C-alpha atoms as a PDB file:
ATOM      1  CA  MET A   1       5.616 -37.896 -17.193  1.00  0.00           C
ATOM      2  CA  ASP A   2       3.289 -36.815 -20.007  1.00  0.00           C
ATOM      3  CA  ILE A   3       4.184 -38.731 -23.131  1.00  0.00           C
ATOM      4  CA  ARG A   4       3.177 -36.800 -26.229  1.00  0.00           C
ATOM      5  CA  VAL A   5       2.312 -38.579 -29.452  1.00  0.00           C
ATOM      6  CA  LEU A   6       1.744 -36.901 -32.816  1.00  0.00           C
ATOM      7  CA  VAL A   7      -0.397 -38.738 -35.384  1.00  0.00           C
ATOM      8  CA  VAL A   8       0.006 -37.603 -39.001  1.00  0.00           C
ATOM      9  CA  ASP A   9      -2.496 -39.074 -41.465  1.00  0.00           C
ATOM     10  CA  ASP A  10      -4.568 -37.416 -44.202  1.00  0.00           C
ATOM     11  CA  ASP A  11      -7.508 -39.677 -43.229  1.00  0.00           C
ATOM     12  CA  GLN A  12      -9.371 -37.973 -40.357  1.00  0.00           C
ATOM     13  CA  ASP A  13     -11.079 -41.244 -39.327  1.00  0.00           C
ATOM     14  CA  SER A  14      -7.713 -42.983 -39.033  1.00  0.00           C
ATOM     15  CA  CYS A  15      -6.368 -40.084 -36.924  1.00  0.00           C
ATOM     16  CA  GLU A  16      -9.383 -40.275 -34.618  1.00  0.00           C
ATOM     17  CA  LEU A  17      -9.116 -44.058 -34.231  1.00  0.00           C
ATOM     18  CA  VAL A  18      -5.416 -43.938 -33.296  1.00  0.00           C
ATOM     19  CA  GLU A  19      -6.042 -40.953 -31.010  1.00  0.00           C
ATOM     20  CA  ARG A  20      -8.885 -42.744 -29.195  1.00  0.00           C
ATOM     21  CA  ILE A  21      -6.801 -45.905 -28.655  1.00  0.00           C
ATOM     22  CA  LEU A  22      -3.762 -44.002 -27.373  1.00  0.00           C
ATOM     23  CA  LYS A  23      -5.677 -41.563 -25.158  1.00  0.00           C
ATOM     24  CA  LYS A  24      -7.468 -44.510 -23.540  1.00  0.00           C
ATOM     25  CA  ASP A  25      -4.017 -45.870 -22.730  1.00  0.00           C
ATOM     26  CA  GLY A  26      -2.933 -42.596 -21.077  1.00  0.00           C
ATOM     27  CA  TYR A  27      -0.960 -40.810 -23.796  1.00  0.00           C
ATOM     28  CA  ARG A  28      -1.326 -37.130 -24.763  1.00  0.00           C
ATOM     29  CA  VAL A  29      -2.181 -37.162 -28.457  1.00  0.00           C
ATOM     30  CA  SER A  30      -2.363 -34.508 -31.149  1.00  0.00           C
ATOM     31  CA  THR A  31      -3.286 -35.172 -34.772  1.00  0.00           C
ATOM     32  CA  LEU A  32      -2.561 -33.576 -38.128  1.00  0.00           C
ATOM     33  CA  THR A  33      -4.209 -34.371 -41.451  1.00  0.00           C
ATOM     34  CA  ASP A  34      -1.619 -32.294 -43.326  1.00  0.00           C
ATOM     35  CA  GLY A  35       1.966 -33.544 -43.115  1.00  0.00           C
ATOM     36  CA  ARG A  36       3.262 -30.107 -44.110  1.00  0.00           C
ATOM     37  CA  LYS A  37       2.240 -28.779 -40.674  1.00  0.00           C
ATOM     38  CA  VAL A  38       4.515 -31.152 -38.731  1.00  0.00           C
ATOM     39  CA  GLU A  39       7.312 -28.607 -38.319  1.00  0.00           C
ATOM     40  CA  GLU A  40       4.956 -26.043 -36.780  1.00  0.00           C
ATOM     41  CA  GLU A  41       3.517 -28.647 -34.354  1.00  0.00           C
ATOM     42  CA  MET A  42       6.946 -29.906 -33.316  1.00  0.00           C
ATOM     43  CA  ARG A  43       8.175 -26.394 -32.629  1.00  0.00           C
ATOM     44  CA  LYS A  44       5.145 -25.797 -30.360  1.00  0.00           C
ATOM     45  CA  ASN A  45       5.230 -29.089 -28.431  1.00  0.00           C
ATOM     46  CA  GLU A  46       7.787 -31.644 -27.362  1.00  0.00           C
ATOM     47  CA  ILE A  47       6.851 -34.819 -29.236  1.00  0.00           C
ATOM     48  CA  HIS A  48       8.153 -38.158 -27.964  1.00  0.00           C
ATOM     49  CA  LEU A  49       6.645 -40.337 -30.685  1.00  0.00           C
ATOM     50  CA  ALA A  50       5.238 -39.668 -34.154  1.00  0.00           C
ATOM     51  CA  ILE A  51       2.946 -42.075 -35.983  1.00  0.00           C
ATOM     52  CA  VAL A  52       2.997 -41.219 -39.688  1.00  0.00           C
ATOM     53  CA  ASP A  53       0.953 -42.484 -42.638  1.00  0.00           C
ATOM     54  CA  LEU A  54       3.118 -43.424 -45.619  1.00  0.00           C
ATOM     55  CA  LYS A  55       0.822 -42.251 -48.433  1.00  0.00           C
ATOM     56  CA  MET A  56      -0.560 -38.721 -48.204  1.00  0.00           C
ATOM     57  CA  PRO A  57      -1.511 -36.450 -51.100  1.00  0.00           C
ATOM     58  CA  GLU A  58       0.531 -33.309 -50.350  1.00  0.00           C
ATOM     59  CA  ILE A  59       3.706 -34.818 -48.895  1.00  0.00           C
ATOM     60  CA  SER A  60       4.897 -38.415 -48.575  1.00  0.00           C
ATOM     61  CA  GLY A  61       5.226 -40.071 -45.195  1.00  0.00           C
ATOM     62  CA  LEU A  62       8.934 -40.644 -45.828  1.00  0.00           C
ATOM     63  CA  ASP A  63       9.390 -36.881 -46.375  1.00  0.00           C
ATOM     64  CA  VAL A  64       7.527 -36.241 -43.105  1.00  0.00           C
ATOM     65  CA  VAL A  65       9.887 -38.719 -41.399  1.00  0.00           C
ATOM     66  CA  GLN A  66      12.916 -36.814 -42.751  1.00  0.00           C
ATOM     67  CA  ASN A  67      11.439 -33.512 -41.531  1.00  0.00           C
ATOM     68  CA  ILE A  68      10.865 -34.950 -38.058  1.00  0.00           C
ATOM     69  CA  ARG A  69      14.409 -36.385 -37.967  1.00  0.00           C
ATOM     70  CA  HIS A  70      15.776 -32.955 -38.976  1.00  0.00           C
ATOM     71  CA  LEU A  71      13.826 -31.236 -36.155  1.00  0.00           C
ATOM     72  CA  ASP A  72      14.310 -33.880 -33.442  1.00  0.00           C
ATOM     73  CA  SER A  73      16.665 -36.792 -34.008  1.00  0.00           C
ATOM     74  CA  ASP A  74      15.477 -38.416 -30.760  1.00  0.00           C
ATOM     75  CA  CYS A  75      11.770 -38.598 -31.639  1.00  0.00           C
ATOM     76  CA  ALA A  76      10.604 -42.208 -32.097  1.00  0.00           C
ATOM     77  CA  ILE A  77       8.682 -42.742 -35.351  1.00  0.00           C
ATOM     78  CA  ILE A  78       6.231 -45.455 -36.401  1.00  0.00           C
ATOM     79  CA  LEU A  79       5.073 -45.619 -40.015  1.00  0.00           C
ATOM     80  CA  MET A  80       1.587 -46.859 -40.950  1.00  0.00           C
ATOM     81  CA  THR A  81       0.427 -47.833 -44.398  1.00  0.00           C
ATOM     82  CA  GLY A  82      -2.354 -49.580 -46.233  1.00  0.00           C
ATOM     83  CA  TYR A  83       0.083 -50.111 -49.123  1.00  0.00           C
ATOM     84  CA  ALA A  84       2.919 -52.104 -47.613  1.00  0.00           C
ATOM     85  CA  THR A  85       5.776 -52.973 -49.947  1.00  0.00           C
ATOM     86  CA  LEU A  86       9.256 -54.274 -49.302  1.00  0.00           C
ATOM     87  CA  ASP A  87      10.769 -51.100 -50.811  1.00  0.00           C
ATOM     88  CA  SER A  88       8.752 -48.779 -48.560  1.00  0.00           C
ATOM     89  CA  ALA A  89       9.591 -50.875 -45.487  1.00  0.00           C
ATOM     90  CA  VAL A  90      13.314 -50.793 -46.295  1.00  0.00           C
ATOM     91  CA  SER A  91      13.195 -47.015 -46.965  1.00  0.00           C
ATOM     92  CA  ALA A  92      11.330 -46.458 -43.704  1.00  0.00           C
ATOM     93  CA  LEU A  93      13.822 -48.463 -41.662  1.00  0.00           C
ATOM     94  CA  ARG A  94      16.733 -46.645 -43.295  1.00  0.00           C
ATOM     95  CA  GLY A  95      15.038 -43.375 -42.379  1.00  0.00           C
ATOM     96  CA  GLY A  96      15.109 -44.312 -38.708  1.00  0.00           C
ATOM     97  CA  VAL A  97      11.535 -45.567 -38.332  1.00  0.00           C
ATOM     98  CA  VAL A  98      11.288 -47.946 -35.351  1.00  0.00           C
ATOM     99  CA  ASP A  99       8.217 -49.870 -36.528  1.00  0.00           C
ATOM    100  CA  TYR A 100       6.081 -50.332 -39.603  1.00  0.00           C
ATOM    101  CA  LEU A 101       2.355 -51.127 -39.208  1.00  0.00           C
ATOM    102  CA  ARG A 102      -0.238 -52.191 -41.776  1.00  0.00           C
ATOM    103  CA  LYS A 103      -3.570 -50.373 -41.923  1.00  0.00           C
ATOM    104  CA  PRO A 104      -6.184 -50.891 -40.756  1.00  0.00           C
ATOM    105  CA  VAL A 105      -4.164 -51.095 -37.572  1.00  0.00           C
ATOM    106  CA  ARG A 106      -5.288 -53.381 -34.757  1.00  0.00           C
ATOM    107  CA  GLU A 107      -5.404 -51.914 -31.253  1.00  0.00           C
ATOM    108  CA  ASP A 108      -3.092 -54.534 -29.731  1.00  0.00           C
ATOM    109  CA  GLU A 109      -0.531 -54.109 -32.535  1.00  0.00           C
ATOM    110  CA  LEU A 110      -0.587 -50.331 -32.223  1.00  0.00           C
ATOM    111  CA  LEU A 111      -0.208 -50.335 -28.438  1.00  0.00           C
ATOM    112  CA  GLY A 112       2.558 -52.945 -28.608  1.00  0.00           C
ATOM    113  CA  ALA A 113       4.480 -50.910 -31.204  1.00  0.00           C
ATOM    114  CA  VAL A 114       4.051 -47.694 -29.203  1.00  0.00           C
ATOM    115  CA  ARG A 115       5.219 -49.294 -25.955  1.00  0.00           C
ATOM    116  CA  ARG A 116       8.247 -50.904 -27.646  1.00  0.00           C
ATOM    117  CA  ALA A 117       9.210 -47.650 -29.373  1.00  0.00           C
ATOM    118  CA  LEU A 118       8.968 -45.657 -26.144  1.00  0.00           C
ATOM    119  CA  ALA A 119      10.713 -48.324 -24.060  1.00  0.00           C
ATOM    120  CA  ALA A 120      13.631 -48.219 -26.515  1.00  0.00           C
ATOM    121  CA  LYS A 121      13.892 -44.488 -25.695  1.00  0.00           C
ATOM    122  CA  GLY A 122      13.671 -45.169 -21.957  1.00  0.00           C
ATOM    123  CA  LEU A 123      10.170 -43.694 -21.761  1.00  0.00           C
ATOM    124  CA  ALA A 124       7.097 -45.169 -20.138  1.00  0.00           C
ATOM    125  CA  LEU A 125       3.917 -43.983 -18.512  1.00  0.00           C
ATOM    126  CA  LEU A 126       4.041 -43.702 -14.744  1.00  0.00           C
ATOM    127  CA  PRO A 127       3.907 -47.203 -13.233  1.00  0.00           C
ATOM    128  CA  GLU A 128       0.995 -46.152 -10.977  1.00  0.00           C
ATOM    129  CA  GLU A 129      -1.064 -45.061 -13.988  1.00  0.00           C
ATOM    130  CA  GLU A 130      -0.360 -48.330 -15.746  1.00  0.00           C
ATOM    131  CA  LEU A 131      -1.267 -50.272 -12.592  1.00  0.00           C
ATOM    132  CA  HIS A 132      -4.590 -48.392 -12.260  1.00  0.00           C
ATOM    133  CA  ARG A 133      -5.379 -49.071 -15.930  1.00  0.00           C
ATOM    134  CA  ASN A 134      -4.542 -52.769 -15.593  1.00  0.00           C
ATOM    135  CA  ILE A 135      -6.605 -53.161 -12.415  1.00  0.00           C
ATOM    136  CA  GLY A 136      -9.549 -51.342 -14.000  1.00  0.00           C
ATOM    137  CA  SER A 137      -9.296 -53.435 -17.131  1.00  0.00           C
ATOM    138  CA  ALA A 138      -9.117 -56.703 -15.135  1.00  0.00           C
ATOM    139  CA  ILE A 139     -12.193 -55.727 -13.091  1.00  0.00           C
ATOM    140  CA  ARG A 140     -14.162 -54.741 -16.215  1.00  0.00           C
ATOM    141  CA  ASP A 141     -13.222 -58.014 -17.969  1.00  0.00           C
ATOM    142  CA  LEU A 142     -14.214 -60.127 -14.963  1.00  0.00           C
ATOM    143  CA  ARG A 143     -17.475 -58.204 -14.491  1.00  0.00           C
ATOM    144  CA  LYS A 144     -18.411 -58.663 -18.156  1.00  0.00           C
ATOM    145  CA  LYS A 145     -17.437 -62.334 -18.081  1.00  0.00           C
ATOM    146  CA  ARG A 146     -19.921 -62.766 -15.244  1.00  0.00           C
ATOM    147  CA  THR A 147     -22.499 -60.681 -17.179  1.00  0.00           C
ATOM    148  CA  LEU A 148     -22.828 -58.149 -14.375  1.00  0.00           C
ATOM    149  CA  THR A 149     -23.733 -54.520 -14.923  1.00  0.00           C
ATOM    150  CA  LEU A 150     -22.033 -51.765 -12.948  1.00  0.00           C
ATOM    151  CA  LYS A 151     -25.302 -51.318 -11.061  1.00  0.00           C
ATOM    152  CA  GLN A 152     -25.369 -55.000 -10.073  1.00  0.00           C
ATOM    153  CA  LEU A 153     -21.726 -54.884  -8.979  1.00  0.00           C
ATOM    154  CA  ALA A 154     -22.467 -51.732  -6.969  1.00  0.00           C
ATOM    155  CA  LYS A 155     -25.298 -53.573  -5.195  1.00  0.00           C
ATOM    156  CA  ARG A 156     -23.012 -56.493  -4.348  1.00  0.00           C
ATOM    157  CA  THR A 157     -20.125 -54.334  -3.111  1.00  0.00           C
ATOM    158  CA  GLY A 158     -21.881 -51.390  -1.472  1.00  0.00           C
ATOM    159  CA  LEU A 159     -19.750 -49.085  -3.629  1.00  0.00           C
ATOM    160  CA  SER A 160     -21.285 -46.452  -5.883  1.00  0.00           C
ATOM    161  CA  VAL A 161     -21.744 -47.029  -9.621  1.00  0.00           C
ATOM    162  CA  SER A 162     -19.784 -43.820 -10.164  1.00  0.00           C
ATOM    163  CA  LEU A 163     -16.774 -45.046  -8.145  1.00  0.00           C
ATOM    164  CA  LEU A 164     -16.802 -48.455  -9.849  1.00  0.00           C
ATOM    165  CA  SER A 165     -16.927 -46.778 -13.254  1.00  0.00           C
ATOM    166  CA  GLN A 166     -14.009 -44.508 -12.316  1.00  0.00           C
ATOM    167  CA  ILE A 167     -11.965 -47.504 -11.106  1.00  0.00           C
ATOM    168  CA  GLU A 168     -12.640 -49.411 -14.342  1.00  0.00           C
ATOM    169  CA  ARG A 169     -11.632 -46.377 -16.432  1.00  0.00           C
ATOM    170  CA  ALA A 170      -8.522 -45.784 -14.233  1.00  0.00           C
ATOM    171  CA  GLU A 171      -9.788 -42.321 -13.298  1.00  0.00           C
ATOM    172  CA  SER A 172      -9.711 -43.170  -9.606  1.00  0.00           C
ATOM    173  CA  SER A 173      -7.517 -45.465  -7.577  1.00  0.00           C
ATOM    174  CA  ALA A 174      -9.251 -48.096  -5.490  1.00  0.00           C
ATOM    175  CA  SER A 175      -8.475 -48.643  -1.842  1.00  0.00           C
ATOM    176  CA  VAL A 176      -7.522 -52.134  -0.723  1.00  0.00           C
ATOM    177  CA  THR A 177     -10.902 -52.386   1.011  1.00  0.00           C
ATOM    178  CA  SER A 178     -12.732 -51.497  -2.216  1.00  0.00           C
ATOM    179  CA  LEU A 179     -10.652 -53.984  -4.186  1.00  0.00           C
ATOM    180  CA  TYR A 180     -11.437 -56.668  -1.586  1.00  0.00           C
ATOM    181  CA  LYS A 181     -15.182 -55.947  -1.911  1.00  0.00           C
ATOM    182  CA  ILE A 182     -14.978 -56.041  -5.715  1.00  0.00           C
ATOM    183  CA  ALA A 183     -12.986 -59.297  -5.743  1.00  0.00           C
ATOM    184  CA  HIS A 184     -15.448 -60.879  -3.283  1.00  0.00           C
ATOM    185  CA  ALA A 185     -18.415 -59.777  -5.444  1.00  0.00           C
ATOM    186  CA  LEU A 186     -16.721 -61.235  -8.532  1.00  0.00           C
ATOM    187  CA  LYS A 187     -16.137 -64.491  -6.612  1.00  0.00           C
ATOM    188  CA  ILE A 188     -12.345 -64.429  -6.803  1.00  0.00           C
ATOM    189  CA  ARG A 189      -9.683 -63.954  -4.165  1.00  0.00           C
ATOM    190  CA  LEU A 190      -7.810 -60.640  -4.068  1.00  0.00           C
ATOM    191  CA  PRO A 191      -4.455 -62.246  -5.030  1.00  0.00           C
ATOM    192  CA  GLU A 192      -6.190 -63.718  -8.111  1.00  0.00           C
ATOM    193  CA  LEU A 193      -7.283 -60.210  -9.125  1.00  0.00           C
ATOM    194  CA  PHE A 194      -3.703 -58.954  -8.866  1.00  0.00           C
ATOM    195  CA  SER A 195      -2.386 -61.943 -10.793  1.00  0.00           C
ATOM    196  CA  ARG A 196      -4.452 -60.701 -13.767  1.00  0.00           C
ATOM    197  CA  VAL A 197      -2.802 -57.281 -13.685  1.00  0.00           C
END
């Protein structure tokens, strides 16, 4: 299932950062730097999760939250702000926001909040996609820990640099034989590789 996320923040750099993090994790992401355009975007696309900045010049994040709630009461919403206050947090939670993040947002915090918000709605990326991402990430981490380049790993495994790169980026699934060769080249047993996933 394609999970669509809408990021609403008047700061283009912030939009791009959140978009990059979420796309890398497999989500379909669209961004808006003008909160007044949320209604138009939500009428065009089914949005599962909205990530909204609290302070924007033309319209407040809390008003954007109300607009989203009016259009789709089932859409999960996370609020981000560089100006966290108790009052804004309470208002956000009363408005149906599922999480409240401080900016600048850390990647692990953002991904954790997104996964929790979607899980609460019964949504998740396909398990196979998540497995491919976790395997790729584990291989990349082990390769870097051993200070190996993709070219060096390719030499040790007999696999192409292109295939290894695709496996690490979860763009291609690895056969058991390929995983065995990679694990052997990284000097770990195959079960150890899977225990890191």
